[in-house]
Amino acid sequence: MEQSHASGRSLTEPGPNASERGGEVILECRNISLTFGAVKAIINVSFDVKRGEVRAIIGPNGAGKTSMLNCINGFYHPQEGEIIYRGTVRKQMRPYEAAATGIGRTFQNVALFRGMSTLDNIMTGRNLKMKTNLLTAALHLGWARREEIVHRDFVERIIDFLEIEAIRKEPVGRLPYGLQKRVELGRALAAEPELLLLDEPMAGMNLEEKEDMCRFILDTNDEFGTTIALIEHDMGVVMDISDRVVVLDHGAKIADGTPDEVKADRNVIDAYLGVSH
């Protein structure tokens, strides 16, 4: 898939080139196991994510993919194993703490404030960056006003980057599904994540919407140097945009490698064809 740039400028200082970023491990999941009663959602899974790459997590329905993302951003806490982020072992981290340390997240189902505008929804992604207290912000005085101007300018650049200027004042509940998914990506980018977790960012989209979302994901990775770990069912998309792919099936890892290596793996072929192992 050819990479094109949605915007000629970066939201922050441009990240290093892909050739300069590869190699350093930003996230390591080591021997992760997660159970819910008698249900084994994840079974002794290990993999890493390197800084600056697009890392795909794939597998049939019920493979444990979303459970793995939930472990990474602190929504679930695995019974066994370790999650190491930026060289530090994380223990019982909560989602807001993960966000504060640079882990962003989007969800399978759009989780936006439907009565609020596109601009205001994306502004909520700046909350962790704001330093004024509730009273000062409510009165809109002094530093609070100046701070809001700075954050609003940042959000306007995200809107420009995602090419959604025409809907900036529209309530998101009135928008088509594909545009809602783009707004959700914008809200995640507003927090300036170092690692961005995308849970089926193209689910329910038509071909044109998928092409647009692929472009914005690649531009986010290329222009900002954002590391991306994503779940996606469209194998054409996965093979086009991913640097490496890890495959789960019934909670266990069955393959890990480049897109070419994974699509030729017999275990992966059997899993997607429903062949028992």
Protein backbone atom coordinates (compact mmCIF):
# COMPACT_ATOMS: atom_id res chain seq x y z
CA MET A 1 0.00 0.00 0.00
CA GLU A 2 1.44 3.35 -0.99
CA GLN A 3 1.96 5.77 1.86
CA SER A 4 0.70 9.30 1.37
CA HIS A 5 0.71 12.18 3.80
CA ALA A 6 -2.50 13.76 4.96
CA SER A 7 -0.69 16.86 6.12
CA GLY A 8 2.57 18.55 5.29
CA ARG A 9 3.38 19.31 8.93
CA SER A 10 3.66 17.34 12.14
CA LEU A 11 1.68 17.89 15.30
CA THR A 12 4.84 17.58 17.35
CA GLU A 13 8.50 17.36 16.38
CA PRO A 14 8.83 14.70 13.67
CA GLY A 15 9.96 11.30 14.90
CA PRO A 16 13.05 9.55 13.56
CA ASN A 17 12.91 7.68 10.29
CA ALA A 18 11.77 4.06 10.39
CA SER A 19 15.32 2.87 9.74
CA GLU A 20 16.50 4.81 12.79
CA ARG A 21 13.75 3.66 15.16
CA GLY A 22 13.70 -0.10 14.62
CA GLY A 23 15.23 -2.41 17.16
CA GLU A 24 14.56 -0.95 20.61
CA VAL A 25 11.83 -2.83 22.47
CA ILE A 26 9.27 -0.42 23.94
CA LEU A 27 6.85 -3.09 25.22
CA GLU A 28 7.39 -6.70 26.22
CA CYS A 29 4.64 -9.12 27.20
CA ARG A 30 6.30 -12.06 28.92
CA ASN A 31 4.46 -15.35 29.61
CA ILE A 32 1.06 -13.67 30.02
CA SER A 33 -1.82 -15.84 31.24
CA LEU A 34 -5.32 -14.54 31.97
CA THR A 35 -8.30 -16.56 33.16
CA PHE A 36 -11.89 -15.78 34.01
CA GLY A 37 -13.02 -18.62 36.25
CA ALA A 38 -12.65 -21.76 34.14
CA VAL A 39 -12.18 -19.78 30.92
CA LYS A 40 -8.56 -19.41 29.76
CA ALA A 41 -8.51 -16.17 27.75
CA ILE A 42 -4.71 -15.98 27.33
CA ILE A 43 -2.31 -18.88 27.79
CA ASN A 44 1.40 -18.20 28.35
CA VAL A 45 1.75 -15.62 25.55
CA SER A 46 4.99 -13.74 24.97
CA PHE A 47 5.80 -11.13 22.34
CA ASP A 48 7.33 -7.66 22.10
CA VAL A 49 6.69 -4.39 20.31
CA LYS A 50 9.61 -2.41 18.94
CA ARG A 51 9.71 1.36 18.98
CA GLY A 52 8.39 2.89 15.77
CA GLU A 53 6.84 -0.22 14.26
CA VAL A 54 3.30 -1.20 13.34
CA ARG A 55 2.69 -4.47 15.21
CA ALA A 56 -0.44 -6.45 14.38
CA ILE A 57 -2.21 -8.89 16.69
CA ILE A 58 -4.47 -11.20 14.72
CA GLY A 59 -6.47 -14.38 15.16
CA PRO A 60 -9.96 -15.85 14.81
CA ASN A 61 -12.85 -14.60 16.97
CA GLY A 62 -12.32 -15.54 20.60
CA ALA A 63 -8.55 -15.82 20.20
CA GLY A 64 -7.81 -13.43 23.12
CA LYS A 65 -6.72 -10.39 21.12
CA THR A 66 -8.79 -7.73 22.90
CA SER A 67 -8.02 -9.36 26.26
CA MET A 68 -4.34 -8.88 25.47
CA LEU A 69 -4.82 -5.17 24.71
CA ASN A 70 -6.82 -4.87 27.94
CA CYS A 71 -3.85 -6.32 29.83
CA ILE A 72 -1.44 -3.90 28.17
CA ASN A 73 -3.43 -0.78 29.08
CA GLY A 74 -4.26 -1.96 32.61
CA PHE A 75 -7.95 -2.79 32.25
CA TYR A 76 -7.19 -6.43 33.05
CA HIS A 77 -4.42 -7.72 35.28
CA PRO A 78 -3.03 -11.12 34.20
CA GLN A 79 -2.68 -13.81 36.85
CA GLU A 80 0.73 -14.82 35.48
CA GLY A 81 3.50 -13.13 33.55
CA GLU A 82 4.94 -9.63 33.27
CA ILE A 83 4.29 -6.58 31.14
CA ILE A 84 7.39 -4.44 30.70
CA TYR A 85 6.92 -0.96 29.29
CA ARG A 86 9.91 1.25 28.51
CA GLY A 87 12.14 -1.04 30.57
CA THR A 88 9.97 -1.01 33.70
CA VAL A 89 7.92 -3.94 34.94
CA ARG A 90 4.35 -2.73 35.40
CA LYS A 91 2.42 -4.11 38.34
CA GLN A 92 -1.33 -3.54 38.73
CA MET A 93 -1.29 -0.44 36.56
CA ARG A 94 -4.68 1.20 35.98
CA PRO A 95 -5.85 2.53 32.59
CA TYR A 96 -5.45 6.18 33.59
CA GLU A 97 -1.88 5.45 34.72
CA ALA A 98 -1.16 3.72 31.42
CA ALA A 99 -2.49 6.79 29.57
CA ALA A 100 -0.36 9.09 31.71
CA THR A 101 2.77 7.13 30.77
CA GLY A 102 2.11 7.34 27.03
CA ILE A 103 -0.19 4.44 26.14
CA GLY A 104 -3.22 5.49 24.05
CA ARG A 105 -6.19 3.33 23.11
CA THR A 106 -9.18 3.09 20.80
CA PHE A 107 -11.93 0.48 21.11
CA GLN A 108 -13.90 -2.03 19.04
CA ASN A 109 -17.10 -0.07 19.60
CA VAL A 110 -16.93 3.69 19.17
CA ALA A 111 -16.75 5.27 22.63
CA LEU A 112 -17.42 8.95 21.98
CA PHE A 113 -19.61 11.60 23.63
CA ARG A 114 -22.35 11.56 21.02
CA GLY A 115 -23.93 14.90 21.94
CA MET A 116 -20.61 16.76 21.84
CA SER A 117 -18.95 18.17 18.74
CA THR A 118 -15.97 16.64 16.97
CA LEU A 119 -13.76 19.42 18.37
CA ASP A 120 -14.94 18.91 21.96
CA ASN A 121 -14.56 15.14 21.74
CA ILE A 122 -10.96 15.46 20.61
CA MET A 123 -10.35 18.11 23.29
CA THR A 124 -11.15 15.49 25.95
CA GLY A 125 -7.99 13.72 24.84
CA ARG A 126 -5.99 16.69 26.16
CA ASN A 127 -7.24 16.30 29.75
CA LEU A 128 -4.05 14.59 30.91
CA LYS A 129 -2.03 17.51 29.54
CA MET A 130 -4.03 20.20 31.35
CA LYS A 131 -2.71 21.61 34.61
CA THR A 132 -5.46 24.03 35.70
CA ASN A 133 -7.79 22.95 38.49
CA LEU A 134 -11.54 22.49 38.08
CA LEU A 135 -12.49 25.85 39.63
CA THR A 136 -10.06 27.87 37.52
CA ALA A 137 -11.16 26.03 34.39
CA ALA A 138 -14.85 26.58 35.20
CA LEU A 139 -14.33 30.32 35.71
CA HIS A 140 -12.22 30.44 32.54
CA LEU A 141 -9.83 32.93 34.09
CA GLY A 142 -6.16 33.76 33.62
CA TRP A 143 -3.93 30.77 33.01
CA ALA A 144 -6.94 28.51 32.34
CA ARG A 145 -7.93 30.61 29.34
CA ARG A 146 -4.40 30.72 27.97
CA GLU A 147 -3.94 27.00 28.50
CA GLU A 148 -7.19 26.19 26.69
CA ILE A 149 -6.07 28.26 23.70
CA VAL A 150 -2.85 26.25 23.47
CA HIS A 151 -4.64 22.90 23.70
CA ARG A 152 -7.35 23.98 21.28
CA ASP A 153 -4.66 24.95 18.75
CA PHE A 154 -3.13 21.48 19.12
CA VAL A 155 -6.53 19.86 18.55
CA GLU A 156 -7.14 22.01 15.47
CA ARG A 157 -3.92 20.61 14.00
CA ILE A 158 -5.17 17.07 14.63
CA ILE A 159 -8.42 17.97 12.88
CA ASP A 160 -6.39 19.29 9.95
CA PHE A 161 -4.21 16.16 9.91
CA LEU A 162 -7.26 13.85 9.85
CA GLU A 163 -9.00 15.99 7.21
CA ILE A 164 -12.16 16.51 9.26
CA GLU A 165 -12.33 20.31 9.26
CA ALA A 166 -15.83 20.23 7.73
CA ILE A 167 -17.26 18.33 10.73
CA ARG A 168 -15.37 20.07 13.53
CA LYS A 169 -18.56 21.58 14.99
CA GLU A 170 -20.88 18.65 14.20
CA PRO A 171 -22.21 16.49 17.09
CA VAL A 172 -20.49 13.15 16.59
CA GLY A 173 -23.76 11.26 17.04
CA ARG A 174 -24.86 12.61 13.65
CA LEU A 175 -21.74 11.47 11.81
CA PRO A 176 -21.38 8.36 9.66
CA TYR A 177 -19.65 5.47 11.38
CA GLY A 178 -16.40 5.84 9.44
CA LEU A 179 -16.03 9.47 10.48
CA GLN A 180 -16.80 8.58 14.10
CA LYS A 181 -13.90 6.12 14.01
CA ARG A 182 -11.68 8.90 12.67
CA VAL A 183 -12.76 11.22 15.49
CA GLU A 184 -11.93 8.49 18.00
CA LEU A 185 -8.46 8.20 16.47
CA GLY A 186 -8.13 11.97 16.80
CA ARG A 187 -9.03 11.84 20.49
CA ALA A 188 -6.36 9.18 21.07
CA LEU A 189 -3.77 11.24 19.18
CA ALA A 190 -4.64 14.31 21.28
CA ALA A 191 -2.98 12.63 24.27
CA GLU A 192 0.29 12.39 22.27
CA PRO A 193 0.73 8.64 22.90
CA GLU A 194 4.10 6.98 22.53
CA LEU A 195 2.37 3.61 22.07
CA LEU A 196 -1.06 3.57 20.42
CA LEU A 197 -3.32 0.52 20.80
CA LEU A 198 -5.96 0.24 18.07
CA ASP A 199 -8.71 -2.35 18.55
CA GLU A 200 -10.18 -3.11 15.12
CA PRO A 201 -9.88 0.46 13.80
CA MET A 202 -11.44 -0.51 10.47
CA ALA A 203 -14.28 -2.73 11.68
CA GLY A 204 -17.55 -2.01 9.85
CA MET A 205 -15.97 0.30 7.28
CA ASN A 206 -16.40 0.23 3.52
CA LEU A 207 -13.40 0.00 1.19
CA GLU A 208 -12.91 3.76 0.82
CA GLU A 209 -13.11 4.32 4.59
CA LYS A 210 -10.58 1.54 5.17
CA GLU A 211 -8.18 3.09 2.69
CA ASP A 212 -8.45 6.44 4.47
CA MET A 213 -7.91 4.89 7.90
CA CYS A 214 -4.89 2.92 6.66
CA ARG A 215 -3.42 6.15 5.35
CA PHE A 216 -3.90 7.96 8.65
CA ILE A 217 -2.44 5.06 10.66
CA LEU A 218 0.64 4.96 8.43
CA ASP A 219 1.01 8.75 8.56
CA THR A 220 0.72 8.69 12.36
CA ASN A 221 3.46 6.08 12.51
CA ASP A 222 5.67 7.72 9.90
CA GLU A 223 5.32 11.44 10.68
CA PHE A 224 5.06 11.33 14.47
CA GLY A 225 7.09 8.18 15.14
CA THR A 226 4.15 6.73 17.10
CA THR A 227 4.50 3.02 17.84
CA ILE A 228 1.28 1.19 16.95
CA ALA A 229 -0.12 -2.17 18.07
CA LEU A 230 -3.37 -3.01 16.35
CA ILE A 231 -5.99 -5.74 16.12
CA GLU A 232 -7.50 -6.13 12.69
CA HIS A 233 -9.50 -8.85 10.91
CA ASP A 234 -8.91 -7.65 7.35
CA MET A 235 -5.86 -9.70 6.35
CA GLY A 236 -5.20 -7.53 3.32
CA VAL A 237 -4.86 -4.51 5.60
CA VAL A 238 -2.69 -6.40 8.09
CA MET A 239 -0.30 -7.62 5.44
CA ASP A 240 -0.06 -4.17 3.83
CA ILE A 241 0.62 -1.97 6.84
CA SER A 242 2.27 -4.19 9.49
CA ASP A 243 5.97 -4.64 10.15
CA ARG A 244 5.43 -7.77 12.27
CA VAL A 245 2.43 -9.91 13.15
CA VAL A 246 1.67 -12.09 16.19
CA VAL A 247 -1.12 -14.65 15.83
CA LEU A 248 -3.31 -15.93 18.68
CA ASP A 249 -5.70 -18.86 18.59
CA HIS A 250 -7.82 -19.97 21.57
CA GLY A 251 -5.65 -17.81 23.84
CA ALA A 252 -2.30 -19.25 22.75
CA LYS A 253 0.35 -17.82 20.42
CA ILE A 254 0.69 -19.91 17.27
CA ALA A 255 2.91 -17.69 15.11
CA ASP A 256 5.03 -14.55 15.22
CA GLY A 257 6.99 -12.92 12.41
CA THR A 258 6.85 -10.78 9.31
CA PRO A 259 3.60 -10.66 7.31
CA ASP A 260 5.09 -12.98 4.66
CA GLU A 261 6.24 -15.49 7.28
CA VAL A 262 2.90 -15.48 9.06
CA LYS A 263 0.67 -15.87 6.02
CA ALA A 264 2.70 -18.90 4.95
CA ASP A 265 2.58 -20.55 8.39
CA ARG A 266 0.60 -23.81 8.38
CA ASN A 267 -0.76 -23.24 11.91
CA VAL A 268 -2.14 -19.85 10.89
CA ILE A 269 -3.74 -21.24 7.75
CA ASP A 270 -5.38 -24.04 9.75
CA ALA A 271 -6.64 -21.64 12.44
CA TYR A 272 -8.37 -19.40 9.90
CA LEU A 273 -9.80 -22.38 8.05
CA GLY A 274 -11.15 -23.85 11.28
CA VAL A 275 -8.88 -26.92 11.16
CA SER A 276 -8.30 -28.41 14.62
CA HIS A 277 -4.69 -28.67 15.79
